[in-house]
N, C-alpha and C. Protein backbone atom coordinates (compact mmCIF):
# COMPACT_ATOMS: atom_id res chain seq x y z
N MET A 1 39.26 -5.48 4.88
CA MET A 1 39.19 -6.93 4.59
C MET A 1 38.92 -7.17 3.12
N SER A 2 39.55 -8.16 2.68
CA SER A 2 39.44 -8.50 1.36
C SER A 2 38.11 -9.15 0.90
N ALA A 3 37.94 -9.28 -0.47
CA ALA A 3 36.58 -9.77 -0.89
C ALA A 3 36.45 -11.19 -0.55
N LYS A 4 37.63 -11.79 -0.56
CA LYS A 4 37.53 -13.34 -0.12
C LYS A 4 37.14 -13.41 1.37
N GLY A 5 37.77 -12.55 2.18
CA GLY A 5 37.35 -12.57 3.60
C GLY A 5 35.97 -12.27 3.90
N LEU A 6 35.38 -11.38 3.13
CA LEU A 6 33.94 -11.04 3.24
C LEU A 6 33.10 -12.17 2.89
N GLY A 7 33.43 -12.80 1.70
CA GLY A 7 32.76 -13.92 1.27
C GLY A 7 32.72 -15.14 2.21
N ARG A 8 33.94 -15.31 2.80
CA ARG A 8 33.87 -16.51 3.81
C ARG A 8 33.07 -16.09 5.14
N ARG A 9 33.10 -14.77 5.51
CA ARG A 9 32.31 -14.46 6.60
C ARG A 9 30.80 -14.54 6.26
N ALA A 10 30.40 -14.15 5.02
CA ALA A 10 28.98 -14.29 4.60
C ALA A 10 28.61 -15.85 4.60
N LYS A 11 29.44 -16.70 4.16
CA LYS A 11 29.19 -18.04 3.96
C LYS A 11 29.03 -18.64 5.49
N SER A 12 30.01 -18.27 6.24
CA SER A 12 29.86 -18.74 7.79
C SER A 12 28.63 -18.31 8.47
N ALA A 13 28.18 -17.04 8.21
CA ALA A 13 26.98 -16.57 8.79
C ALA A 13 25.69 -17.38 8.19
N GLN A 14 25.77 -17.73 7.06
CA GLN A 14 24.71 -18.48 6.38
C GLN A 14 24.56 -19.80 7.11
N GLN A 15 25.72 -20.47 7.25
CA GLN A 15 25.77 -21.77 7.83
C GLN A 15 25.33 -21.80 9.26
N ALA A 16 25.76 -20.73 10.10
CA ALA A 16 25.25 -20.57 11.44
C ALA A 16 23.69 -20.35 11.34
N GLU A 17 23.23 -19.60 10.45
CA GLU A 17 21.73 -19.35 10.46
C GLU A 17 21.00 -20.78 10.18
N ARG A 18 21.52 -21.51 9.32
CA ARG A 18 20.83 -22.91 9.03
C ARG A 18 20.95 -23.85 10.33
N SER A 19 21.79 -23.57 11.15
CA SER A 19 21.99 -24.60 12.35
C SER A 19 20.98 -24.01 13.45
N LEU A 20 20.53 -22.76 13.40
CA LEU A 20 19.62 -22.28 14.36
C LEU A 20 18.31 -22.89 14.33
N ASP A 21 17.74 -23.12 15.60
CA ASP A 21 16.36 -23.60 15.80
C ASP A 21 15.30 -22.44 15.59
N LEU A 22 14.67 -22.28 14.45
CA LEU A 22 13.80 -21.25 14.26
C LEU A 22 12.31 -21.75 14.17
N ARG A 23 12.05 -23.01 14.71
CA ARG A 23 10.65 -23.61 14.63
C ARG A 23 9.66 -22.58 15.29
N ALA A 24 9.99 -22.01 16.36
CA ALA A 24 8.94 -21.19 17.02
C ALA A 24 8.64 -19.93 16.27
N LEU A 25 9.71 -19.38 15.61
CA LEU A 25 9.50 -18.24 14.69
C LEU A 25 8.71 -18.61 13.41
N GLN A 26 9.03 -19.74 12.89
CA GLN A 26 8.30 -20.30 11.67
C GLN A 26 6.80 -20.46 11.92
N ARG A 27 6.44 -20.56 13.13
CA ARG A 27 4.94 -20.59 13.44
C ARG A 27 4.45 -19.31 13.76
N THR A 28 5.15 -18.22 13.74
CA THR A 28 4.68 -16.89 13.96
C THR A 28 4.40 -16.14 12.71
N PRO A 29 3.14 -15.93 12.41
CA PRO A 29 2.75 -15.27 11.16
C PRO A 29 3.37 -14.04 10.95
N GLY A 30 3.38 -13.25 11.86
CA GLY A 30 4.04 -11.80 11.63
C GLY A 30 5.51 -11.91 11.21
N PHE A 31 6.13 -12.83 11.89
CA PHE A 31 7.70 -12.96 11.55
C PHE A 31 7.82 -13.40 10.13
N MET A 32 7.02 -14.49 9.77
CA MET A 32 7.14 -15.11 8.41
C MET A 32 6.71 -14.04 7.29
N LEU A 33 5.52 -13.33 7.69
CA LEU A 33 5.19 -12.31 6.66
C LEU A 33 6.29 -11.12 6.54
N ARG A 34 6.91 -10.74 7.63
CA ARG A 34 7.95 -9.93 7.43
C ARG A 34 9.10 -10.30 6.63
N LEU A 35 9.51 -11.60 6.83
CA LEU A 35 10.63 -12.16 6.03
C LEU A 35 10.11 -12.26 4.58
N ALA A 36 8.88 -12.57 4.31
CA ALA A 36 8.38 -12.66 2.82
C ALA A 36 8.37 -11.31 2.30
N GLN A 37 8.09 -10.36 3.12
CA GLN A 37 7.99 -8.95 2.57
C GLN A 37 9.56 -8.58 2.16
N LEU A 38 10.42 -8.82 2.95
CA LEU A 38 11.78 -8.50 2.77
C LEU A 38 12.23 -9.15 1.48
N LYS A 39 11.89 -10.57 1.30
CA LYS A 39 12.28 -11.21 0.20
C LYS A 39 11.73 -10.64 -1.06
N PHE A 40 10.49 -10.25 -1.08
CA PHE A 40 9.76 -9.54 -2.13
C PHE A 40 10.31 -8.18 -2.53
N PHE A 41 10.70 -7.48 -1.43
CA PHE A 41 11.26 -6.21 -1.70
C PHE A 41 12.64 -6.35 -2.30
N GLU A 42 13.40 -7.08 -1.82
CA GLU A 42 14.60 -7.32 -2.38
C GLU A 42 14.67 -7.75 -3.90
N GLY A 43 13.80 -8.59 -4.27
CA GLY A 43 13.45 -9.09 -5.63
C GLY A 43 12.97 -7.90 -6.39
N PHE A 44 12.12 -7.13 -5.91
CA PHE A 44 11.45 -5.88 -6.52
C PHE A 44 12.63 -4.96 -6.85
N TYR A 45 13.48 -4.52 -5.91
CA TYR A 45 14.49 -3.65 -6.28
C TYR A 45 15.40 -4.16 -7.37
N GLU A 46 15.58 -5.46 -7.47
CA GLU A 46 16.45 -6.06 -8.59
C GLU A 46 15.70 -5.88 -9.91
N GLU A 47 14.43 -6.21 -9.89
CA GLU A 47 13.75 -6.31 -11.28
C GLU A 47 13.24 -4.96 -11.69
N PHE A 48 12.91 -4.13 -10.78
CA PHE A 48 12.46 -2.74 -11.24
C PHE A 48 13.35 -1.70 -11.16
N ALA A 49 14.70 -1.94 -10.80
CA ALA A 49 15.64 -0.87 -10.55
C ALA A 49 15.88 -0.07 -11.86
N ALA A 50 15.82 -0.64 -13.06
CA ALA A 50 16.09 0.13 -14.36
C ALA A 50 14.98 1.11 -14.38
N LEU A 51 13.76 0.91 -13.95
CA LEU A 51 12.68 1.93 -14.11
C LEU A 51 12.76 2.99 -13.07
N GLY A 52 13.56 2.74 -11.92
CA GLY A 52 13.69 3.60 -10.93
C GLY A 52 12.42 3.54 -9.95
N LEU A 53 11.77 2.53 -10.04
CA LEU A 53 10.52 2.32 -9.19
C LEU A 53 10.81 1.61 -7.87
N THR A 54 10.35 2.13 -6.76
CA THR A 54 10.44 1.56 -5.55
C THR A 54 9.05 0.76 -5.23
N PRO A 55 9.10 -0.06 -4.22
CA PRO A 55 7.68 -0.66 -3.91
C PRO A 55 6.60 0.26 -3.64
N ALA A 56 7.00 1.45 -2.91
CA ALA A 56 6.10 2.49 -2.63
C ALA A 56 5.76 3.26 -3.83
N THR A 57 6.63 3.65 -4.61
CA THR A 57 6.24 4.47 -5.93
C THR A 57 5.48 3.66 -6.76
N TYR A 58 5.63 2.35 -6.85
CA TYR A 58 4.90 1.47 -7.84
C TYR A 58 3.44 1.54 -7.30
N ALA A 59 3.30 1.25 -5.86
CA ALA A 59 1.95 1.20 -5.42
C ALA A 59 1.28 2.66 -5.56
N ILE A 60 1.82 3.69 -5.48
CA ILE A 60 1.42 5.08 -5.62
C ILE A 60 0.97 5.22 -7.16
N PHE A 61 1.79 4.80 -8.01
CA PHE A 61 1.38 4.91 -9.43
C PHE A 61 0.21 4.03 -9.91
N VAL A 62 0.17 2.79 -9.25
CA VAL A 62 -0.93 1.84 -9.54
C VAL A 62 -2.30 2.43 -9.01
N VAL A 63 -2.26 2.92 -7.81
CA VAL A 63 -3.45 3.62 -7.28
C VAL A 63 -3.93 4.73 -7.96
N ILE A 64 -3.06 5.54 -8.32
CA ILE A 64 -3.33 6.77 -9.09
C ILE A 64 -3.86 6.36 -10.51
N ARG A 65 -3.14 5.40 -11.12
CA ARG A 65 -3.68 4.98 -12.53
C ARG A 65 -5.07 4.36 -12.39
N ASP A 66 -5.48 3.60 -11.48
CA ASP A 66 -6.57 2.83 -11.28
C ASP A 66 -7.62 3.63 -10.77
N ASN A 67 -7.24 4.91 -10.11
CA ASN A 67 -8.23 5.65 -9.40
C ASN A 67 -7.92 7.26 -9.55
N PRO A 68 -8.07 7.58 -10.95
CA PRO A 68 -7.74 9.01 -11.19
C PRO A 68 -8.50 9.97 -10.33
N GLY A 69 -7.81 10.99 -9.92
CA GLY A 69 -8.45 11.93 -9.01
C GLY A 69 -8.41 11.76 -7.46
N VAL A 70 -7.78 10.47 -7.22
CA VAL A 70 -7.67 10.07 -5.69
C VAL A 70 -6.94 11.15 -4.96
N PRO A 71 -7.58 11.52 -3.69
CA PRO A 71 -6.84 12.58 -3.00
C PRO A 71 -5.56 12.03 -2.25
N PRO A 72 -4.66 12.85 -1.86
CA PRO A 72 -3.43 12.41 -1.26
C PRO A 72 -3.86 11.68 0.14
N SER A 73 -4.78 12.18 0.82
CA SER A 73 -5.10 11.64 2.15
C SER A 73 -5.56 10.14 2.01
N SER A 74 -6.39 9.92 1.03
CA SER A 74 -6.92 8.50 0.83
C SER A 74 -5.78 7.66 0.43
N LEU A 75 -4.84 8.13 -0.32
CA LEU A 75 -3.67 7.40 -0.78
C LEU A 75 -2.77 7.02 0.32
N ALA A 76 -2.53 8.06 1.20
CA ALA A 76 -1.74 7.78 2.44
C ALA A 76 -2.39 6.75 3.19
N SER A 77 -3.68 6.89 3.55
CA SER A 77 -4.36 5.87 4.35
C SER A 77 -4.37 4.45 3.80
N LEU A 78 -4.62 4.34 2.51
CA LEU A 78 -4.61 3.01 1.84
C LEU A 78 -3.29 2.38 1.97
N LEU A 79 -2.17 3.08 1.66
CA LEU A 79 -0.84 2.62 1.56
C LEU A 79 -0.07 2.58 3.06
N ARG A 80 -0.79 2.95 3.99
CA ARG A 80 -0.35 3.12 5.37
C ARG A 80 0.95 4.04 5.48
N LEU A 81 0.97 5.12 4.78
CA LEU A 81 2.06 6.18 4.74
C LEU A 81 1.64 7.31 5.64
N ARG A 82 2.54 7.92 6.22
CA ARG A 82 2.32 9.13 6.86
C ARG A 82 2.13 10.26 5.83
N LEU A 83 1.08 11.08 5.99
CA LEU A 83 0.88 12.06 4.96
C LEU A 83 2.00 13.01 4.64
N PRO A 84 2.86 13.43 5.57
CA PRO A 84 4.02 14.18 5.25
C PRO A 84 5.01 13.35 4.41
N ASN A 85 5.12 12.09 4.65
CA ASN A 85 6.12 11.22 3.95
C ASN A 85 5.53 11.21 2.41
N LEU A 86 4.28 10.93 2.31
CA LEU A 86 3.64 10.81 1.09
C LEU A 86 3.79 12.10 0.17
N ILE A 87 3.60 13.36 0.90
CA ILE A 87 3.69 14.49 0.29
C ILE A 87 5.07 14.65 -0.26
N LYS A 88 6.10 14.41 0.44
CA LYS A 88 7.31 14.40 -0.01
C LYS A 88 7.63 13.65 -1.36
N ILE A 89 7.17 12.36 -1.30
CA ILE A 89 7.18 11.54 -2.63
C ILE A 89 6.41 12.21 -3.75
N LEU A 90 5.27 12.60 -3.54
CA LEU A 90 4.44 13.34 -4.49
C LEU A 90 5.01 14.47 -5.03
N ASN A 91 5.77 15.34 -4.16
CA ASN A 91 6.48 16.53 -4.67
C ASN A 91 7.60 15.94 -5.72
N GLU A 92 8.20 14.94 -5.39
CA GLU A 92 9.31 14.38 -6.27
C GLU A 92 8.72 13.85 -7.63
N LEU A 93 7.64 13.24 -7.48
CA LEU A 93 6.89 12.55 -8.67
C LEU A 93 6.36 13.68 -9.54
N GLU A 94 5.82 14.85 -8.95
CA GLU A 94 5.41 15.98 -9.70
C GLU A 94 6.43 16.80 -10.38
N SER A 95 7.44 16.90 -9.68
CA SER A 95 8.64 17.82 -10.20
C SER A 95 9.34 16.96 -11.31
N SER A 96 9.32 15.51 -11.32
CA SER A 96 9.77 14.75 -12.37
C SER A 96 8.95 14.57 -13.59
N GLY A 97 7.61 15.22 -13.39
CA GLY A 97 6.72 15.12 -14.48
C GLY A 97 5.80 13.85 -14.62
N PHE A 98 5.75 13.02 -13.61
CA PHE A 98 5.04 11.75 -13.54
C PHE A 98 3.68 11.83 -13.14
N ILE A 99 3.40 12.95 -12.18
CA ILE A 99 2.04 13.00 -11.80
C ILE A 99 1.61 14.60 -11.79
N LYS A 100 0.27 14.83 -11.73
CA LYS A 100 -0.22 16.14 -11.71
C LYS A 100 -1.12 16.23 -10.50
N ARG A 101 -1.06 17.33 -9.76
CA ARG A 101 -2.03 17.75 -8.79
C ARG A 101 -2.92 18.83 -9.23
N SER A 102 -4.20 18.64 -9.01
CA SER A 102 -5.08 19.71 -9.42
C SER A 102 -6.18 19.83 -8.39
N ARG A 103 -7.00 20.87 -8.40
CA ARG A 103 -8.01 21.10 -7.54
C ARG A 103 -9.16 20.44 -7.97
N SER A 104 -9.84 19.82 -6.96
CA SER A 104 -11.18 19.24 -7.26
C SER A 104 -12.11 20.08 -7.74
N LYS A 105 -12.95 19.77 -8.78
CA LYS A 105 -14.02 20.58 -9.33
C LYS A 105 -15.14 20.65 -8.40
N SER A 106 -15.40 19.62 -7.55
CA SER A 106 -16.42 19.59 -6.69
C SER A 106 -16.19 20.20 -5.34
N ASP A 107 -14.88 20.16 -4.93
CA ASP A 107 -14.53 20.84 -3.70
C ASP A 107 -13.19 21.44 -3.82
N ARG A 108 -13.13 22.72 -4.10
CA ARG A 108 -11.95 23.56 -4.38
C ARG A 108 -10.95 23.45 -3.34
N ARG A 109 -11.32 23.08 -2.21
CA ARG A 109 -10.18 22.81 -1.11
C ARG A 109 -9.37 21.54 -1.29
N ALA A 110 -9.99 20.52 -2.04
CA ALA A 110 -9.56 19.24 -2.05
C ALA A 110 -8.45 19.21 -3.32
N VAL A 111 -7.42 18.31 -3.26
CA VAL A 111 -6.53 18.09 -4.24
C VAL A 111 -6.65 16.72 -4.90
N GLU A 112 -6.61 16.67 -6.14
CA GLU A 112 -6.59 15.26 -6.79
C GLU A 112 -5.44 14.97 -7.56
N LEU A 113 -5.07 13.74 -7.66
CA LEU A 113 -4.02 13.22 -8.29
C LEU A 113 -4.24 12.46 -9.51
N VAL A 114 -3.63 12.72 -10.62
CA VAL A 114 -3.67 12.11 -11.84
C VAL A 114 -2.24 11.86 -12.45
N LEU A 115 -2.02 10.77 -13.24
CA LEU A 115 -0.81 10.68 -13.84
C LEU A 115 -0.77 11.37 -15.11
N THR A 116 0.51 11.78 -15.45
CA THR A 116 0.67 12.57 -16.64
C THR A 116 1.03 11.37 -17.68
N PRO A 117 1.02 11.76 -18.95
CA PRO A 117 1.51 10.80 -20.02
C PRO A 117 2.80 9.98 -19.56
N LYS A 118 3.73 10.75 -19.12
CA LYS A 118 5.03 10.27 -18.75
C LYS A 118 4.89 9.23 -17.65
N GLY A 119 4.02 9.56 -16.55
CA GLY A 119 3.91 8.66 -15.35
C GLY A 119 2.90 7.51 -15.95
N ALA A 120 2.00 7.55 -16.84
CA ALA A 120 1.29 6.50 -17.38
C ALA A 120 2.23 5.44 -18.18
N LYS A 121 3.23 5.95 -19.00
CA LYS A 121 4.13 5.12 -19.67
C LYS A 121 4.95 4.45 -18.56
N LEU A 122 5.48 5.09 -17.62
CA LEU A 122 6.30 4.46 -16.67
C LEU A 122 5.60 3.25 -15.93
N ILE A 123 4.45 3.51 -15.42
CA ILE A 123 3.80 2.32 -14.81
C ILE A 123 3.26 1.33 -15.82
N ALA A 124 2.99 1.77 -16.96
CA ALA A 124 2.90 0.75 -18.08
C ALA A 124 4.06 -0.14 -18.23
N ASP A 125 5.24 0.36 -18.27
CA ASP A 125 6.46 -0.39 -18.41
C ASP A 125 6.62 -1.22 -17.05
N GLY A 126 6.41 -0.86 -15.85
CA GLY A 126 6.32 -1.52 -14.73
C GLY A 126 5.42 -2.59 -14.69
N ALA A 127 4.16 -2.28 -15.13
CA ALA A 127 3.26 -3.46 -15.18
C ALA A 127 3.64 -4.59 -15.99
N ARG A 128 4.39 -4.39 -17.19
CA ARG A 128 4.79 -5.49 -17.99
C ARG A 128 5.88 -6.26 -17.29
N LEU A 129 6.60 -5.73 -16.22
CA LEU A 129 7.45 -6.60 -15.51
C LEU A 129 6.81 -7.27 -14.30
N THR A 130 5.68 -6.97 -14.02
CA THR A 130 4.96 -7.57 -12.86
C THR A 130 4.56 -8.95 -12.77
N GLU A 131 4.00 -9.32 -13.83
CA GLU A 131 3.58 -10.79 -13.81
C GLU A 131 4.83 -11.76 -13.89
N PRO A 132 5.90 -11.47 -14.75
CA PRO A 132 7.02 -12.24 -14.57
C PRO A 132 7.63 -12.25 -13.24
N TYR A 133 7.84 -11.04 -12.64
CA TYR A 133 8.34 -10.93 -11.26
C TYR A 133 7.40 -11.74 -10.43
N ASN A 134 6.13 -11.63 -10.35
CA ASN A 134 5.39 -12.36 -9.38
C ASN A 134 5.55 -13.94 -9.64
N ARG A 135 5.60 -14.36 -10.83
CA ARG A 135 5.72 -15.83 -11.15
C ARG A 135 7.04 -16.37 -10.63
N LYS A 136 8.13 -15.43 -10.75
CA LYS A 136 9.42 -15.77 -10.24
C LYS A 136 9.47 -16.02 -8.81
N MET A 137 8.87 -14.95 -7.99
CA MET A 137 8.86 -14.91 -6.69
C MET A 137 7.94 -16.08 -5.98
N LEU A 138 6.93 -16.41 -6.72
CA LEU A 138 5.98 -17.43 -6.20
C LEU A 138 6.30 -18.89 -6.86
N ALA A 139 7.23 -19.00 -7.39
CA ALA A 139 7.75 -20.22 -8.18
C ALA A 139 7.58 -21.45 -7.10
N PRO A 140 8.02 -21.32 -5.85
CA PRO A 140 7.86 -22.46 -4.89
C PRO A 140 6.47 -23.10 -4.70
N LEU A 141 5.43 -22.34 -5.19
CA LEU A 141 4.01 -22.63 -4.86
C LEU A 141 3.47 -23.02 -6.19
N SER A 142 2.48 -24.01 -6.07
CA SER A 142 1.66 -24.29 -7.28
C SER A 142 0.75 -23.10 -7.61
N GLU A 143 0.17 -23.10 -8.83
CA GLU A 143 -0.84 -22.12 -9.14
C GLU A 143 -1.95 -22.01 -8.15
N ALA A 144 -2.45 -23.23 -7.71
CA ALA A 144 -3.46 -23.24 -6.72
C ALA A 144 -3.15 -22.66 -5.54
N GLU A 145 -1.84 -23.00 -5.09
CA GLU A 145 -1.39 -22.32 -3.78
C GLU A 145 -1.11 -20.88 -3.87
N GLN A 146 -0.75 -20.39 -5.10
CA GLN A 146 -0.47 -19.01 -5.29
C GLN A 146 -1.95 -18.26 -5.09
N ARG A 147 -2.83 -18.88 -5.65
CA ARG A 147 -4.36 -18.34 -5.66
C ARG A 147 -4.70 -18.36 -4.20
N THR A 148 -4.54 -19.33 -3.46
CA THR A 148 -4.92 -19.53 -2.08
C THR A 148 -4.11 -18.41 -1.28
N LEU A 149 -2.86 -18.19 -1.38
CA LEU A 149 -2.18 -17.26 -0.67
C LEU A 149 -2.78 -15.82 -0.88
N LEU A 150 -2.99 -15.52 -2.23
CA LEU A 150 -3.58 -14.24 -2.40
C LEU A 150 -4.93 -13.98 -1.80
N ASP A 151 -5.69 -15.10 -1.89
CA ASP A 151 -7.02 -15.08 -1.18
C ASP A 151 -6.93 -14.97 0.25
N LEU A 152 -6.07 -15.61 0.89
CA LEU A 152 -5.89 -15.57 2.25
C LEU A 152 -5.43 -14.19 2.80
N LEU A 153 -4.50 -13.65 1.97
CA LEU A 153 -3.90 -12.26 2.35
C LEU A 153 -4.98 -11.12 2.10
N ASN A 154 -5.92 -11.37 1.07
CA ASN A 154 -6.96 -10.37 0.87
C ASN A 154 -8.09 -10.54 1.80
N ARG A 155 -8.26 -11.68 2.42
CA ARG A 155 -9.21 -12.03 3.50
C ARG A 155 -8.70 -11.24 4.96
N MET A 156 -7.30 -11.41 5.03
CA MET A 156 -6.72 -10.75 6.36
C MET A 156 -6.63 -9.19 6.11
N LEU A 157 -6.56 -8.63 5.06
CA LEU A 157 -6.30 -7.25 4.78
C LEU A 157 -7.30 -6.66 3.98
N PRO A 158 -8.64 -6.60 4.37
CA PRO A 158 -9.70 -6.09 3.54
C PRO A 158 -9.53 -4.59 3.40
N PHE A 159 -9.85 -4.14 2.12
CA PHE A 159 -9.90 -2.68 1.83
C PHE A 159 -11.27 -2.14 1.97
C-alpha cells in the first residue's frame, strides 16, 4: 500500500475513534492511567532517544544515582520488575560501562549497584531533559493542577 493509502487509513481510524462513546472508560481510572502512561512513554522515547534511555533504564539510573549501593532485589521490587529481567538490563548496563556491581562490605553475599562516571554523565544529561519534557507533557494542566496530580499519584502509590 502506498504512503497516501496508509495516511488515509490512519486518518479514517482517528475519525472513527472520535465518534466512539468512551464515557464509561473515561470514568475508569485504570484505563485512563494506562492511556496516560502510553502517552508519556511515547513522548519519552522521542525526547530521550538520542541518549539511548528507555523509561526503565532512566528509572534504574535515577534510583542508583540517588541510592548508591542499592541491591538489585530492592531495585526490582521498587520498579516492579521481575529480578531476571532486571538482571538482564543490569548486565547490559555494566558491559556498557554505565554501572558497577560490587560486593557489600557489610554482607559479602549481597551485591550493591553504583554508577560509573560514564553512567553519572548519562543520567545528568537525561536529567537536563526531564524538566522541559515534563512541562511539555503536562502543558494542558495549570501549575496547581500539575502539583495536585503528582500529589494524588504519590498518595495512591506510596513507597
